[in-house]
């Protein structure tokens, strides 16, 4: 769903699936629909793992750059709401 204020996307990842490298052009909010095991590959070669329960919510500012990988052994799903200026 997209309009002049937001873009809403549902993401579904099998184990090992990834977004590929990208840079967020807008502030965004993520709500997990399932337990999520995010393996975040970050600029400079760093990685970190973030495990979240279903129903968790977080917000980030535009400019975040990363590759997101499902680092778990189960499918994971989340909703991303990008906020247009």
C-alpha atoms as a PDB file:
ATOM      1  CA  UNK A   1       0.000   0.000   0.000  1.00  0.00           C
ATOM      2  CA  UNK A   2       1.294   3.423  -0.862  1.00  0.00           C
ATOM      3  CA  UNK A   3      -0.111   6.938  -0.822  1.00  0.00           C
ATOM      4  CA  UNK A   4       1.270  10.458  -0.486  1.00  0.00           C
ATOM      5  CA  UNK A   5       2.148   9.949   3.216  1.00  0.00           C
ATOM      6  CA  UNK A   6       3.365   6.343   3.627  1.00  0.00           C
ATOM      7  CA  UNK A   7       4.569   3.217   1.855  1.00  0.00           C
ATOM      8  CA  UNK A   8       3.645  -0.022   3.642  1.00  0.00           C
ATOM      9  CA  UNK A   9       5.352  -3.285   2.700  1.00  0.00           C
ATOM     10  CA  UNK A  10       5.039  -6.795   4.083  1.00  0.00           C
ATOM     11  CA  UNK A  11       8.323  -8.720   3.972  1.00  0.00           C
ATOM     12  CA  UNK A  12       8.440 -12.524   4.152  1.00  0.00           C
ATOM     13  CA  UNK A  13      11.843 -14.240   4.374  1.00  0.00           C
ATOM     14  CA  UNK A  14      12.703 -17.921   4.319  1.00  0.00           C
ATOM     15  CA  UNK A  15      15.778 -18.884   6.361  1.00  0.00           C
ATOM     16  CA  UNK A  16      18.866 -17.405   4.699  1.00  0.00           C
ATOM     17  CA  UNK A  17      16.881 -15.000   2.486  1.00  0.00           C
ATOM     18  CA  UNK A  18      18.125 -11.406   2.349  1.00  0.00           C
ATOM     19  CA  UNK A  19      17.097  -7.938   1.231  1.00  0.00           C
ATOM     20  CA  UNK A  20      20.419  -7.174  -0.500  1.00  0.00           C
ATOM     21  CA  UNK A  21      22.288  -3.980   0.332  1.00  0.00           C
ATOM     22  CA  UNK A  22      20.081  -0.907   0.451  1.00  0.00           C
ATOM     23  CA  UNK A  23      19.839   2.565   1.967  1.00  0.00           C
ATOM     24  CA  UNK A  24      16.588   3.765   3.521  1.00  0.00           C
ATOM     25  CA  UNK A  25      15.517   7.019   1.889  1.00  0.00           C
ATOM     26  CA  UNK A  26      12.760   7.640   4.476  1.00  0.00           C
ATOM     27  CA  UNK A  27      12.229   7.277   8.212  1.00  0.00           C
ATOM     28  CA  UNK A  28      10.551   3.939   8.883  1.00  0.00           C
ATOM     29  CA  UNK A  29       8.792   1.771  11.460  1.00  0.00           C
ATOM     30  CA  UNK A  30       8.950  -2.038  11.541  1.00  0.00           C
ATOM     31  CA  UNK A  31       6.457  -4.336  13.285  1.00  0.00           C
ATOM     32  CA  UNK A  32       7.361  -8.015  13.460  1.00  0.00           C
ATOM     33  CA  UNK A  33       4.580 -10.468  12.628  1.00  0.00           C
ATOM     34  CA  UNK A  34       6.574 -13.569  13.611  1.00  0.00           C
ATOM     35  CA  UNK A  35       9.652 -14.064  15.747  1.00  0.00           C
ATOM     36  CA  UNK A  36      12.483 -12.540  13.698  1.00  0.00           C
ATOM     37  CA  UNK A  37      16.197 -13.354  13.757  1.00  0.00           C
ATOM     38  CA  UNK A  38      17.699 -10.407  11.915  1.00  0.00           C
ATOM     39  CA  UNK A  39      21.315 -10.813  10.839  1.00  0.00           C
ATOM     40  CA  UNK A  40      22.334  -7.258   9.934  1.00  0.00           C
ATOM     41  CA  UNK A  41      25.309  -6.733   7.657  1.00  0.00           C
ATOM     42  CA  UNK A  42      26.492  -3.161   8.094  1.00  0.00           C
ATOM     43  CA  UNK A  43      28.885  -0.828   6.254  1.00  0.00           C
ATOM     44  CA  UNK A  44      32.528  -1.495   7.031  1.00  0.00           C
ATOM     45  CA  UNK A  45      32.045  -5.258   7.249  1.00  0.00           C
ATOM     46  CA  UNK A  46      30.353  -5.434  10.644  1.00  0.00           C
ATOM     47  CA  UNK A  47      27.501  -7.800  11.411  1.00  0.00           C
ATOM     48  CA  UNK A  48      25.145  -8.103  14.334  1.00  0.00           C
ATOM     49  CA  UNK A  49      22.214 -10.305  15.171  1.00  0.00           C
ATOM     50  CA  UNK A  50      18.961  -8.975  16.594  1.00  0.00           C
ATOM     51  CA  UNK A  51      16.306 -11.428  17.767  1.00  0.00           C
ATOM     52  CA  UNK A  52      12.803 -10.014  18.238  1.00  0.00           C
ATOM     53  CA  UNK A  53       9.536 -11.520  19.392  1.00  0.00           C
ATOM     54  CA  UNK A  54       6.396 -11.355  17.251  1.00  0.00           C
ATOM     55  CA  UNK A  55       4.649  -8.015  17.771  1.00  0.00           C
ATOM     56  CA  UNK A  56       7.833  -6.052  18.484  1.00  0.00           C
ATOM     57  CA  UNK A  57       8.094  -2.543  17.017  1.00  0.00           C
ATOM     58  CA  UNK A  58      11.072  -0.318  16.262  1.00  0.00           C
ATOM     59  CA  UNK A  59      11.743   2.935  14.367  1.00  0.00           C
ATOM     60  CA  UNK A  60      14.789   4.140  12.445  1.00  0.00           C
ATOM     61  CA  UNK A  61      15.720   7.407  10.740  1.00  0.00           C
ATOM     62  CA  UNK A  62      16.343   7.647   7.015  1.00  0.00           C
ATOM     63  CA  UNK A  63      19.878   6.953   5.904  1.00  0.00           C
ATOM     64  CA  UNK A  64      20.255   3.500   7.464  1.00  0.00           C
ATOM     65  CA  UNK A  65      22.306   1.312   5.132  1.00  0.00           C
ATOM     66  CA  UNK A  66      22.456  -2.466   5.499  1.00  0.00           C
ATOM     67  CA  UNK A  67      21.679  -5.929   4.205  1.00  0.00           C
ATOM     68  CA  UNK A  68      19.084  -7.795   6.273  1.00  0.00           C
ATOM     69  CA  UNK A  69      19.324 -11.603   6.360  1.00  0.00           C
ATOM     70  CA  UNK A  70      16.974 -14.065   8.039  1.00  0.00           C
ATOM     71  CA  UNK A  71      19.578 -15.566  10.350  1.00  0.00           C
ATOM     72  CA  UNK A  72      17.158 -18.046  11.892  1.00  0.00           C
ATOM     73  CA  UNK A  73      15.934 -21.488  10.924  1.00  0.00           C
ATOM     74  CA  UNK A  74      12.266 -20.501  10.531  1.00  0.00           C
ATOM     75  CA  UNK A  75      10.490 -18.188   8.052  1.00  0.00           C
ATOM     76  CA  UNK A  76      10.063 -14.632   9.355  1.00  0.00           C
ATOM     77  CA  UNK A  77       7.658 -11.832   8.426  1.00  0.00           C
ATOM     78  CA  UNK A  78       7.397  -8.146   9.254  1.00  0.00           C
ATOM     79  CA  UNK A  79       5.633  -4.973   8.149  1.00  0.00           C
ATOM     80  CA  UNK A  80       7.687  -1.913   7.205  1.00  0.00           C
ATOM     81  CA  UNK A  81       5.995   1.500   7.164  1.00  0.00           C
ATOM     82  CA  UNK A  82       8.075   4.192   5.435  1.00  0.00           C
ATOM     83  CA  UNK A  83       7.127   7.774   6.333  1.00  0.00           C
ATOM     84  CA  UNK A  84       7.189  10.265   3.489  1.00  0.00           C
ATOM     85  CA  UNK A  85       8.229  13.832   4.288  1.00  0.00           C
END
